[in-house]
N, C-alpha and C. Protein backbone atom coordinates (compact mmCIF):
# COMPACT_ATOMS: atom_id res chain seq x y z
N MET A 1 226.67 10.90 186.47
CA MET A 1 225.73 12.27 187.28
C MET A 1 226.91 11.42 188.84
N VAL A 2 227.08 9.75 189.34
CA VAL A 2 227.62 9.53 190.43
C VAL A 2 228.96 9.74 190.06
N ILE A 3 229.72 9.82 189.04
CA ILE A 3 230.85 9.65 188.64
C ILE A 3 231.51 11.65 188.52
N ALA A 4 230.50 12.29 188.85
CA ALA A 4 230.92 14.62 188.34
C ALA A 4 230.87 13.88 190.57
N ASN A 5 230.18 12.72 191.34
CA ASN A 5 229.92 13.19 192.17
C ASN A 5 231.25 13.27 192.89
N LEU A 6 231.75 12.03 192.62
CA LEU A 6 233.63 11.22 192.94
C LEU A 6 234.57 12.12 192.96
N ILE A 7 234.04 12.09 191.72
CA ILE A 7 235.23 13.46 191.30
C ILE A 7 235.49 15.01 192.70
N SER A 8 234.68 15.42 192.52
CA SER A 8 233.53 15.91 193.29
C SER A 8 234.67 15.99 194.75
N TYR A 9 233.59 14.59 194.95
CA TYR A 9 233.84 14.89 196.42
C TYR A 9 235.44 14.67 196.55
N ILE A 10 236.51 14.33 195.44
CA ILE A 10 238.13 14.16 195.92
C ILE A 10 238.43 15.86 195.42
N LEU A 11 237.77 16.28 194.88
CA LEU A 11 238.57 17.82 194.73
C LEU A 11 237.81 18.19 195.85
N VAL A 12 237.39 18.47 196.78
CA VAL A 12 236.95 18.71 197.55
C VAL A 12 237.97 18.95 199.06
N LEU A 13 237.51 17.80 198.49
CA LEU A 13 239.08 16.76 199.89
C LEU A 13 240.54 17.69 199.91
N VAL A 14 241.48 16.80 198.37
CA VAL A 14 242.37 18.11 198.55
C VAL A 14 242.26 19.24 198.18
N GLY A 15 241.10 19.68 198.68
CA GLY A 15 241.62 20.82 198.76
C GLY A 15 241.06 21.55 200.37
N ALA A 16 240.81 20.40 201.14
CA ALA A 16 240.25 21.17 202.11
C ALA A 16 241.60 20.79 203.41
N LEU A 17 242.51 19.84 202.37
CA LEU A 17 243.44 18.77 202.81
C LEU A 17 244.98 20.35 202.70
N ASN A 18 244.67 20.89 201.33
CA ASN A 18 245.45 21.41 201.44
C ASN A 18 245.50 22.90 202.44
N TRP A 19 244.36 23.53 202.94
CA TRP A 19 244.24 24.91 203.33
C TRP A 19 243.81 24.08 204.84
N GLY A 20 244.33 22.25 205.40
CA GLY A 20 244.15 22.74 206.54
C GLY A 20 245.85 22.69 206.62
N ILE A 21 246.78 21.94 205.54
CA ILE A 21 247.77 21.90 205.76
C ILE A 21 248.97 23.25 205.81
N PHE A 22 247.99 23.90 204.88
CA PHE A 22 249.09 25.93 205.13
C PHE A 22 248.24 26.59 206.49
N GLY A 23 246.98 25.94 206.37
CA GLY A 23 246.54 26.63 208.29
C GLY A 23 248.05 26.39 209.34
N LEU A 24 247.64 24.66 209.18
CA LEU A 24 248.80 24.55 209.98
C LEU A 24 250.06 24.74 210.32
N PHE A 25 250.55 24.03 208.97
CA PHE A 25 252.14 24.49 208.48
C PHE A 25 253.22 25.76 207.78
N ASP A 26 252.03 26.49 207.63
CA ASP A 26 252.33 27.63 206.31
C ASP A 26 252.59 26.66 205.63
N PHE A 27 252.49 25.46 204.88
CA PHE A 27 252.31 25.46 203.41
C PHE A 27 251.93 24.43 202.30
N ASN A 28 251.47 25.47 201.70
CA ASN A 28 250.90 25.18 200.62
C ASN A 28 251.44 24.39 199.96
N LEU A 29 250.48 23.46 199.42
CA LEU A 29 251.40 21.75 199.40
C LEU A 29 250.34 21.96 197.01
N VAL A 30 249.51 22.50 196.74
CA VAL A 30 249.03 22.87 195.14
C VAL A 30 250.46 24.01 194.33
N SER A 31 250.18 25.16 195.39
CA SER A 31 251.86 25.74 195.06
C SER A 31 253.04 25.33 195.36
N ALA A 32 253.03 24.63 195.94
CA ALA A 32 254.33 23.69 196.19
C ALA A 32 254.46 22.67 194.81
N VAL A 33 253.72 22.20 194.42
CA VAL A 33 253.75 21.01 193.35
C VAL A 33 253.61 21.31 192.39
N PHE A 34 253.05 22.90 191.82
CA PHE A 34 253.24 23.54 190.69
C PHE A 34 254.14 25.13 190.66
N ALA A 35 254.62 24.99 191.41
CA ALA A 35 255.77 25.97 191.97
C ALA A 35 255.63 27.71 191.40
N GLY A 36 254.39 27.21 192.71
CA GLY A 36 254.08 29.68 192.76
C GLY A 36 252.49 29.37 192.98
N PRO A 37 252.35 30.50 193.42
CA PRO A 37 250.46 30.36 193.93
C PRO A 37 249.85 30.84 192.32
N ARG A 38 249.98 31.54 191.98
CA ARG A 38 249.98 32.21 190.28
C ARG A 38 249.85 31.67 189.03
N THR A 39 250.85 30.74 189.13
CA THR A 39 250.94 30.03 188.25
C THR A 39 250.02 29.11 187.05
N VAL A 40 249.94 28.87 185.75
CA VAL A 40 248.53 28.15 185.62
C VAL A 40 248.09 26.90 185.89
N GLY A 41 248.60 25.95 186.24
CA GLY A 41 248.56 24.65 187.19
C GLY A 41 247.58 25.08 188.26
N SER A 42 248.44 26.02 188.91
CA SER A 42 248.21 26.45 190.12
C SER A 42 247.07 26.92 189.94
N ILE A 43 245.95 28.09 188.83
CA ILE A 43 244.99 28.38 189.08
C ILE A 43 243.60 27.95 187.99
N ILE A 44 244.10 26.53 187.85
CA ILE A 44 243.63 25.76 187.28
C ILE A 44 242.86 24.51 188.02
N VAL A 45 244.03 23.81 189.08
CA VAL A 45 243.35 23.29 189.70
C VAL A 45 242.91 23.99 190.53
N TYR A 46 242.64 25.20 192.31
CA TYR A 46 241.32 26.33 192.43
C TYR A 46 240.71 26.77 192.08
N SER A 47 240.81 26.56 190.23
CA SER A 47 239.37 26.77 189.81
C SER A 47 238.11 25.73 190.01
N LEU A 48 239.25 24.27 189.44
CA LEU A 48 238.68 22.89 189.31
C LEU A 48 237.85 22.86 191.38
N ILE A 49 238.75 23.34 191.58
CA ILE A 49 238.48 22.34 193.47
C ILE A 49 236.86 23.16 193.64
N ALA A 50 236.48 24.99 192.97
CA ALA A 50 236.08 26.02 193.15
C ALA A 50 234.85 25.83 192.47
N LEU A 51 234.43 24.72 190.95
CA LEU A 51 233.38 24.38 190.58
C LEU A 51 233.55 23.04 191.26
N ALA A 52 233.86 22.53 191.47
CA ALA A 52 233.55 20.91 192.17
C ALA A 52 232.79 21.07 193.58
N ALA A 53 233.62 22.35 194.54
CA ALA A 53 232.36 22.47 195.43
C ALA A 53 231.36 23.47 195.16
N ILE A 54 230.60 23.98 194.12
CA ILE A 54 229.45 24.43 193.13
C ILE A 54 229.37 23.22 192.85
N TRP A 55 229.59 22.22 193.05
CA TRP A 55 228.77 21.07 192.03
C TRP A 55 227.86 20.27 193.15
N LEU A 56 229.09 20.46 194.02
CA LEU A 56 227.60 19.51 195.49
C LEU A 56 227.93 20.76 195.88
N ILE A 57 226.99 21.57 195.74
CA ILE A 57 225.78 22.30 196.59
C ILE A 57 224.54 22.60 195.80
N ILE A 58 225.13 22.52 194.36
CA ILE A 58 224.10 22.63 193.21
C ILE A 58 223.48 20.85 192.87
N SER A 59 224.63 20.00 193.02
CA SER A 59 224.07 18.83 193.09
C SER A 59 222.71 18.02 193.37
N PRO A 60 221.81 18.27 195.04
CA PRO A 60 221.34 17.60 195.25
C PRO A 60 219.69 18.68 195.56
N ILE A 61 220.26 19.79 194.87
CA ILE A 61 219.14 20.64 194.75
C ILE A 61 218.06 19.76 193.21
N ILE A 62 219.39 19.56 192.66
CA ILE A 62 219.18 19.41 190.90
C ILE A 62 218.49 17.62 191.19
N THR A 63 218.92 16.92 192.38
CA THR A 63 218.36 15.50 192.09
C THR A 63 217.04 15.48 193.26
N ASN A 64 216.43 16.46 193.80
CA ASN A 64 216.16 16.36 195.31
C ASN A 64 216.47 16.40 196.46
N GLY A 65 217.42 16.44 197.07
CA GLY A 65 218.14 16.13 197.92
C GLY A 65 218.85 15.30 197.64
N MET A 66 219.12 14.46 196.60
CA MET A 66 219.93 13.11 196.93
C MET A 66 221.00 13.10 196.04
N LEU A 67 222.39 12.65 196.77
CA LEU A 67 223.23 12.89 196.32
C LEU A 67 224.15 12.39 196.40
N LYS A 68 224.48 11.26 194.99
CA LYS A 68 224.19 9.83 194.33
C LYS A 68 225.76 10.10 194.85
N LEU A 69 226.38 8.67 195.37
CA LEU A 69 227.95 7.97 194.90
C LEU A 69 227.53 6.58 194.17
N GLN A 70 226.87 5.74 194.85
CA GLN A 70 227.37 4.63 194.19
C GLN A 70 226.06 4.69 193.07
N GLY A 71 226.48 4.04 192.17
CA GLY A 71 225.17 2.99 190.48
C GLY A 71 224.27 2.43 191.53
N ASN A 72 222.83 2.50 191.26
CA ASN A 72 222.01 1.06 191.26
C ASN A 72 220.91 0.15 190.74
N ARG A 73 222.56 -0.54 191.23
CA ARG A 73 222.19 -1.55 190.58
C ARG A 73 221.34 -2.61 190.49
N VAL A 74 220.07 -2.04 191.79
CA VAL A 74 218.89 -3.25 191.56
C VAL A 74 217.77 -2.19 190.28
N ALA A 75 217.97 -0.97 190.07
CA ALA A 75 217.39 -0.70 188.82
C ALA A 75 217.81 -1.19 187.46
N ARG A 76 218.93 -1.02 188.31
CA ARG A 76 219.70 -1.60 186.33
C ARG A 76 219.51 -2.79 186.03
N GLU A 77 219.65 -3.58 187.44
CA GLU A 77 219.13 -5.62 186.69
C GLU A 77 217.96 -4.94 186.58
N GLN A 78 216.70 -4.11 186.90
CA GLN A 78 215.04 -4.26 186.90
C GLN A 78 215.09 -3.76 185.19
N HIS A 79 216.03 -2.84 184.23
CA HIS A 79 215.46 -2.92 183.50
C HIS A 79 216.75 -4.01 182.03
N HIS A 80 217.28 -4.53 182.80
CA HIS A 80 217.13 -5.82 181.36
C HIS A 80 216.91 -6.92 181.49
N ALA A 81 215.62 -7.31 182.60
CA ALA A 81 214.46 -8.72 182.67
C ALA A 81 213.67 -8.13 182.73
């Protein structure tokens, strides 16, 4: 779950930065990388960013309000003792 949260944060940050660059400079970075706004690569990236945002909305609900970005070392050490 920690890895899913971290990847989701990174993808949402990429999406937010792309929107910021597009708003300020009228330049779509994802479209530039994948040679067009409706190419397969662009659609996959936009879909992954949308799924990551949905995950960041749902994850705290599933985990009773906690969004973990770090593993719990204390709990792991107690299980090994």
